[in-house]
Amino acid sequence: MQADPGFDPTAGVPEEIRPGLRRILAPNPSPMTFRGTNTYVVGQTELAVIDPGPDSAAHLEAILAACGPGQRITHILVTHAHVDHSPLARALSQATGAPVLAYGDARAGRSAVMQDLATAGLAGGGEGVDAGFVPDVRLDDGATVTGSDWQLQAIWTPGHFGNHLCLALGDLLFTGDLVMGWASSLVSPPDGDLTDFMASCRRLRARRDRMYLPGHGAPVTDPAARIDWLIAHREAREAAILAVLRESPATAETLARRIYTDTPAPLLPAATRNVFAHLVDLTGKNIIAPEGPLAWSAPFHLL
């Protein structure tokens, strides 16, 4: 599964996906965000904005400019509190009066083991956490949000981030960063939890969505195949980790260097976090154990 080089929209220009649904690309391309963050605008009169994106005056102007005659933004929904998805929500709310809706603040939804790691001092990595994010309205799992011509259902899908939501619009699913077509999702403790990620993937696999609309990259037109690939990809990583640990105990960094042999050096820290996520998951399943407390720098061995 590779990035689609043909997906290259112009930042700030609304593109219609179907009547009543548009995508506006934010101007924040990077190795972690591909072309940039996809902001979605749902509705024809009362508008819902999904993932307003990074703190960008230009992107705020583009979202506001997308409101035509007789249209107004009535809801702002955030899939999760990474800095490429949520920071613009507050400025957009101030400009429109629309409330911000999400599963919870930047710490909501963390599992107990991830909370313990955070308390012990493990900080997030990768995309960056919008630590001050607090929604006006909390959306519980299964909650619905309704506009004049649309209805969205919140599906709590922790794994990439504790407060991660997917949002269902009929047979379409906005998947945030849980499932993307251009890359596998980063799972970076303590904000990412692989045990939760795999459970969320399997939850989506049991659905019958026709298309995924991710936070980055092109639409995913075969959701079942993509979910199957993500699960198989993680299972292959787990098998590679266990193969190395059969030789001797190893840290997350040592394992990453052994397994991610083709990964450029600047991306090895992210790879190491992915490996550590697997180590935490395998520890929880009593397959391996750390030598000492569960920690980033600990060597792990097979049980």
Protein backbone atom coordinates (compact mmCIF):
# COMPACT_ATOMS: atom_id res chain seq x y z
CA MET A 1 0.00 0.00 0.00
CA GLN A 2 1.60 3.21 -1.19
CA ALA A 3 0.63 6.88 -1.27
CA ASP A 4 -1.47 7.84 -4.27
CA PRO A 5 0.69 10.33 -6.21
CA GLY A 6 -2.38 11.40 -8.16
CA PHE A 7 -3.95 12.84 -5.01
CA ASP A 8 -2.66 16.40 -5.14
CA PRO A 9 -5.47 18.93 -4.53
CA THR A 10 -4.77 22.64 -4.26
CA ALA A 11 -4.72 23.84 -0.66
CA GLY A 12 -7.60 26.11 0.25
CA VAL A 13 -9.79 25.25 -2.75
CA PRO A 14 -13.03 23.37 -1.91
CA GLU A 15 -13.51 20.18 -3.92
CA GLU A 16 -16.93 18.53 -4.11
CA ILE A 17 -16.92 14.82 -3.23
CA ARG A 18 -20.67 14.60 -3.73
CA PRO A 19 -23.52 17.12 -3.32
CA GLY A 20 -23.43 18.42 0.22
CA LEU A 21 -19.91 17.18 0.92
CA ARG A 22 -16.68 19.06 0.17
CA ARG A 23 -13.00 18.69 1.09
CA ILE A 24 -10.63 21.60 1.71
CA LEU A 25 -6.94 20.74 1.96
CA ALA A 26 -5.00 22.58 4.66
CA PRO A 27 -1.59 24.07 3.73
CA ASN A 28 0.46 21.78 5.99
CA PRO A 29 2.18 19.11 3.87
CA SER A 30 4.89 17.06 5.62
CA PRO A 31 6.22 13.50 5.90
CA MET A 32 3.64 12.96 8.68
CA THR A 33 0.65 14.61 6.93
CA PHE A 34 1.21 13.78 3.22
CA ARG A 35 -0.38 16.60 1.17
CA GLY A 36 -1.86 18.15 4.32
CA THR A 37 -4.92 17.77 6.55
CA ASN A 38 -8.27 17.11 4.90
CA THR A 39 -10.97 19.40 6.28
CA TYR A 40 -14.47 18.25 5.34
CA VAL A 41 -17.57 20.45 5.02
CA VAL A 42 -20.88 18.60 5.31
CA GLY A 43 -24.29 20.03 4.41
CA GLN A 44 -26.00 22.50 2.10
CA THR A 45 -27.42 25.10 4.51
CA GLU A 46 -26.38 24.24 8.06
CA LEU A 47 -22.74 23.16 7.69
CA ALA A 48 -20.63 20.81 9.80
CA VAL A 49 -16.87 21.24 9.58
CA ILE A 50 -14.88 18.08 10.36
CA ASP A 51 -11.24 18.56 11.41
CA PRO A 52 -10.65 22.28 10.89
CA GLY A 53 -6.94 21.54 11.00
CA PRO A 54 -3.79 23.36 12.12
CA ASP A 55 -3.59 26.91 13.43
CA SER A 56 -3.50 28.64 10.05
CA ALA A 57 -5.00 32.03 9.20
CA ALA A 58 -5.05 31.09 5.52
CA HIS A 59 -6.96 27.89 6.18
CA LEU A 60 -9.43 29.68 8.46
CA GLU A 61 -10.09 32.14 5.64
CA ALA A 62 -10.55 29.28 3.16
CA ILE A 63 -13.10 27.52 5.39
CA LEU A 64 -15.08 30.72 5.96
CA ALA A 65 -14.96 31.52 2.24
CA ALA A 66 -16.50 28.13 1.47
CA CYS A 67 -19.77 29.30 3.07
CA GLY A 68 -22.02 30.44 0.25
CA PRO A 69 -25.26 32.45 0.35
CA GLY A 70 -27.73 30.91 2.78
CA GLN A 71 -25.07 28.74 4.40
CA ARG A 72 -23.65 28.93 7.92
CA ILE A 73 -21.34 26.76 9.98
CA THR A 74 -23.35 25.29 12.86
CA HIS A 75 -21.08 22.49 14.12
CA ILE A 76 -17.31 21.94 14.33
CA LEU A 77 -16.28 18.32 14.87
CA VAL A 78 -12.76 17.13 15.71
CA THR A 79 -11.66 13.54 15.23
CA HIS A 80 -8.72 13.85 17.64
CA ALA A 81 -6.42 16.32 19.36
CA HIS A 82 -3.28 16.26 17.23
CA VAL A 83 -1.88 19.63 16.17
CA ASP A 84 -2.70 19.01 12.52
CA HIS A 85 -6.41 18.44 13.25
CA SER A 86 -7.76 20.42 16.19
CA PRO A 87 -6.05 23.80 16.87
CA LEU A 88 -8.08 25.83 14.35
CA ALA A 89 -11.33 24.68 15.97
CA ARG A 90 -11.32 27.44 18.57
CA ALA A 91 -10.68 30.27 16.10
CA LEU A 92 -13.35 28.89 13.76
CA SER A 93 -15.78 28.69 16.67
CA GLN A 94 -15.06 32.30 17.61
CA ALA A 95 -15.61 33.40 14.01
CA THR A 96 -18.90 31.52 13.55
CA GLY A 97 -20.40 30.93 16.99
CA ALA A 98 -20.52 27.18 16.26
CA PRO A 99 -19.68 24.80 19.13
CA VAL A 100 -16.72 22.43 19.02
CA LEU A 101 -17.62 18.75 19.45
CA ALA A 102 -15.24 15.86 20.20
CA TYR A 103 -14.92 12.76 22.37
CA GLY A 104 -13.12 14.77 25.03
CA ASP A 105 -9.99 16.75 25.79
CA ALA A 106 -6.46 15.76 24.77
CA ARG A 107 -6.21 13.18 27.59
CA ALA A 108 -9.66 11.62 27.22
CA GLY A 109 -9.86 7.96 26.32
CA ARG A 110 -6.40 6.94 27.48
CA SER A 111 -6.13 3.38 28.75
CA ALA A 112 -4.84 2.80 32.28
CA VAL A 113 -1.46 1.55 31.06
CA MET A 114 -0.98 4.63 28.86
CA GLN A 115 -1.98 6.91 31.71
CA ASP A 116 0.65 5.22 33.88
CA LEU A 117 3.30 5.75 31.19
CA ALA A 118 2.34 9.42 30.88
CA THR A 119 2.47 9.86 34.67
CA ALA A 120 5.95 8.28 34.63
CA GLY A 121 7.09 10.97 32.19
CA LEU A 122 6.70 9.46 28.71
CA ALA A 123 5.77 12.29 26.37
CA GLY A 124 4.02 12.03 23.02
CA GLY A 125 5.90 12.10 19.76
CA GLY A 126 5.31 12.31 16.06
CA GLU A 127 2.52 14.63 15.03
CA GLY A 128 2.34 16.67 18.24
CA VAL A 129 -0.48 16.93 20.77
CA ASP A 130 -2.82 19.91 21.04
CA ALA A 131 -2.53 19.71 24.82
CA GLY A 132 -4.94 22.59 25.50
CA PHE A 133 -7.75 21.20 23.38
CA VAL A 134 -11.13 21.09 25.16
CA PRO A 135 -14.41 20.69 23.25
CA ASP A 136 -17.57 22.60 24.07
CA VAL A 137 -19.63 19.42 23.73
CA ARG A 138 -18.51 15.87 24.47
CA LEU A 139 -19.62 13.24 21.96
CA ASP A 140 -19.99 9.82 23.54
CA ASP A 141 -19.66 6.65 21.52
CA GLY A 142 -22.82 6.28 19.42
CA ALA A 143 -23.98 9.88 19.82
CA THR A 144 -25.60 11.55 16.82
CA VAL A 145 -25.28 15.13 15.60
CA THR A 146 -27.92 16.43 13.21
CA GLY A 147 -28.14 19.34 10.79
CA SER A 148 -30.90 20.39 8.41
CA ASP A 149 -29.91 17.81 5.77
CA TRP A 150 -27.35 15.51 7.42
CA GLN A 151 -26.76 13.28 10.43
CA LEU A 152 -23.40 12.16 11.77
CA GLN A 153 -22.84 9.34 14.24
CA ALA A 154 -19.82 9.33 16.53
CA ILE A 155 -17.84 6.09 16.78
CA TRP A 156 -15.15 6.08 19.46
CA THR A 157 -12.08 4.47 17.93
CA PRO A 158 -9.06 4.89 20.22
CA GLY A 159 -5.67 3.60 19.13
CA HIS A 160 -4.01 6.33 17.10
CA PHE A 161 -5.12 8.70 19.87
CA GLY A 162 -7.20 8.17 23.00
CA ASN A 163 -9.94 10.63 22.08
CA HIS A 164 -10.13 9.54 18.43
CA LEU A 165 -13.56 9.49 16.80
CA CYS A 166 -14.70 8.25 13.43
CA LEU A 167 -17.87 9.87 12.11
CA ALA A 168 -20.45 8.02 10.02
CA LEU A 169 -22.47 9.84 7.35
CA GLY A 170 -24.74 7.22 5.87
CA ASP A 171 -22.46 4.68 4.17
CA LEU A 172 -19.45 7.03 4.32
CA LEU A 173 -17.05 7.06 7.28
CA PHE A 174 -14.70 9.90 8.20
CA THR A 175 -11.79 7.95 9.66
CA GLY A 176 -9.45 10.70 10.86
CA ASP A 177 -6.00 9.15 11.26
CA LEU A 178 -7.14 5.68 12.29
CA VAL A 179 -7.34 4.42 8.69
CA MET A 180 -5.69 6.17 5.75
CA GLY A 181 -4.84 4.97 2.28
CA TRP A 182 -1.48 6.68 1.91
CA ALA A 183 0.25 5.19 4.99
CA SER A 184 -0.32 3.04 8.05
CA SER A 185 -1.43 4.94 11.13
CA LEU A 186 1.20 6.04 13.65
CA VAL A 187 0.65 4.51 17.09
CA SER A 188 2.83 6.45 19.51
CA PRO A 189 2.48 5.85 23.28
CA PRO A 190 1.22 7.28 25.55
CA ASP A 191 -1.29 8.91 23.18
CA GLY A 192 -1.39 5.90 20.85
CA ASP A 193 -2.31 2.45 22.15
CA LEU A 194 -1.84 -0.58 19.89
CA THR A 195 -4.22 -2.80 21.86
CA ASP A 196 -6.95 -0.21 21.35
CA PHE A 197 -5.89 0.36 17.73
CA MET A 198 -6.33 -3.29 16.79
CA ALA A 199 -9.71 -3.43 18.56
CA SER A 200 -10.84 -0.28 16.71
CA CYS A 201 -9.73 -1.71 13.36
CA ARG A 202 -11.68 -4.88 14.00
CA ARG A 203 -14.70 -2.84 15.02
CA LEU A 204 -14.61 -0.98 11.71
CA ARG A 205 -14.03 -4.25 9.84
CA ALA A 206 -17.39 -5.49 11.15
CA ARG A 207 -19.16 -2.48 9.61
CA ARG A 208 -20.33 -2.18 6.00
CA ASP A 209 -19.09 1.29 5.06
CA ARG A 210 -18.82 1.97 1.33
CA MET A 211 -15.96 4.46 1.53
CA TYR A 212 -13.56 5.95 4.06
CA LEU A 213 -12.73 9.65 4.00
CA PRO A 214 -9.44 9.95 5.92
CA GLY A 215 -7.73 12.87 7.59
CA HIS A 216 -4.92 12.72 5.01
CA GLY A 217 -4.78 11.44 1.47
CA ALA A 218 -7.35 10.17 -1.01
CA PRO A 219 -10.60 8.39 -0.19
CA VAL A 220 -10.31 4.68 0.61
CA THR A 221 -12.64 2.97 -1.85
CA ASP A 222 -12.24 -0.60 -0.53
CA PRO A 223 -12.50 -0.24 3.26
CA ALA A 224 -12.51 -3.97 4.03
CA ALA A 225 -9.31 -4.58 2.07
CA ARG A 226 -7.60 -1.65 3.72
CA ILE A 227 -8.54 -2.79 7.23
CA ASP A 228 -7.37 -6.31 6.43
CA TRP A 229 -4.05 -4.90 5.24
CA LEU A 230 -3.61 -2.79 8.39
CA ILE A 231 -4.31 -5.75 10.67
CA ALA A 232 -1.96 -8.02 8.69
CA HIS A 233 0.71 -5.30 8.68
CA ARG A 234 0.61 -5.06 12.49
CA GLU A 235 0.60 -8.84 12.89
CA ALA A 236 3.70 -9.04 10.66
CA ARG A 237 5.45 -6.41 12.79
CA GLU A 238 4.58 -8.38 15.90
CA ALA A 239 6.03 -11.55 14.38
CA ALA A 240 9.24 -9.71 13.45
CA ILE A 241 9.62 -8.37 16.99
CA LEU A 242 9.11 -11.80 18.52
CA ALA A 243 11.65 -13.30 16.12
CA VAL A 244 14.33 -10.88 17.35
CA LEU A 245 13.39 -11.42 21.00
CA ARG A 246 13.85 -15.17 20.55
CA GLU A 247 17.53 -14.41 20.01
CA SER A 248 17.99 -12.14 23.05
CA PRO A 249 16.31 -9.38 25.07
CA ALA A 250 16.19 -6.02 23.31
CA THR A 251 14.97 -2.45 23.72
CA ALA A 252 12.50 -0.70 21.41
CA GLU A 253 15.33 1.22 19.77
CA THR A 254 17.38 -1.93 19.11
CA LEU A 255 14.34 -3.69 17.69
CA ALA A 256 13.49 -0.75 15.42
CA ARG A 257 17.00 -0.72 13.95
CA ARG A 258 16.85 -4.48 13.36
CA ILE A 259 13.37 -4.48 11.80
CA TYR A 260 13.06 -1.15 9.95
CA THR A 261 16.18 -1.67 7.86
CA ASP A 262 14.92 0.39 4.90
CA THR A 263 13.61 3.31 6.97
CA PRO A 264 15.44 6.65 6.57
CA ALA A 265 17.22 7.78 9.74
CA PRO A 266 14.91 10.80 10.33
CA LEU A 267 11.92 8.42 10.55
CA LEU A 268 13.53 5.94 12.96
CA PRO A 269 12.20 7.72 16.09
CA ALA A 270 8.64 7.24 14.81
CA ALA A 271 9.45 3.62 13.98
CA THR A 272 10.81 3.13 17.51
CA ARG A 273 7.56 4.45 18.96
CA ASN A 274 5.62 2.00 16.81
CA VAL A 275 7.80 -0.82 18.13
CA PHE A 276 7.30 0.32 21.72
CA ALA A 277 3.53 0.28 21.11
CA HIS A 278 3.87 -3.39 20.12
CA LEU A 279 5.98 -4.11 23.20
CA VAL A 280 3.34 -2.63 25.49
CA ASP A 281 0.63 -4.65 23.72
CA LEU A 282 2.63 -7.89 23.95
CA THR A 283 3.32 -7.22 27.62
CA GLY A 284 -0.40 -6.82 28.22
CA LYS A 285 -0.98 -10.19 26.54
CA ASN A 286 1.67 -11.84 28.80
CA ILE A 287 3.81 -12.88 25.84
CA ILE A 288 6.82 -10.75 26.83
CA ALA A 289 7.91 -8.76 29.88
CA PRO A 290 10.19 -5.79 30.53
CA GLU A 291 13.31 -6.18 32.63
CA GLY A 292 12.14 -3.89 35.40
CA PRO A 293 9.24 -1.43 35.18
CA LEU A 294 7.42 -0.95 31.88
CA ALA A 295 9.38 1.92 30.33
CA TRP A 296 10.60 3.28 27.01
CA SER A 297 14.24 2.32 27.65
CA ALA A 298 13.59 -1.13 29.16
CA PRO A 299 14.91 -4.31 27.53
CA PHE A 300 12.12 -6.85 26.91
CA HIS A 301 12.32 -10.64 26.91
CA LEU A 302 10.03 -13.52 25.99
CA LEU A 303 8.10 -15.23 28.74
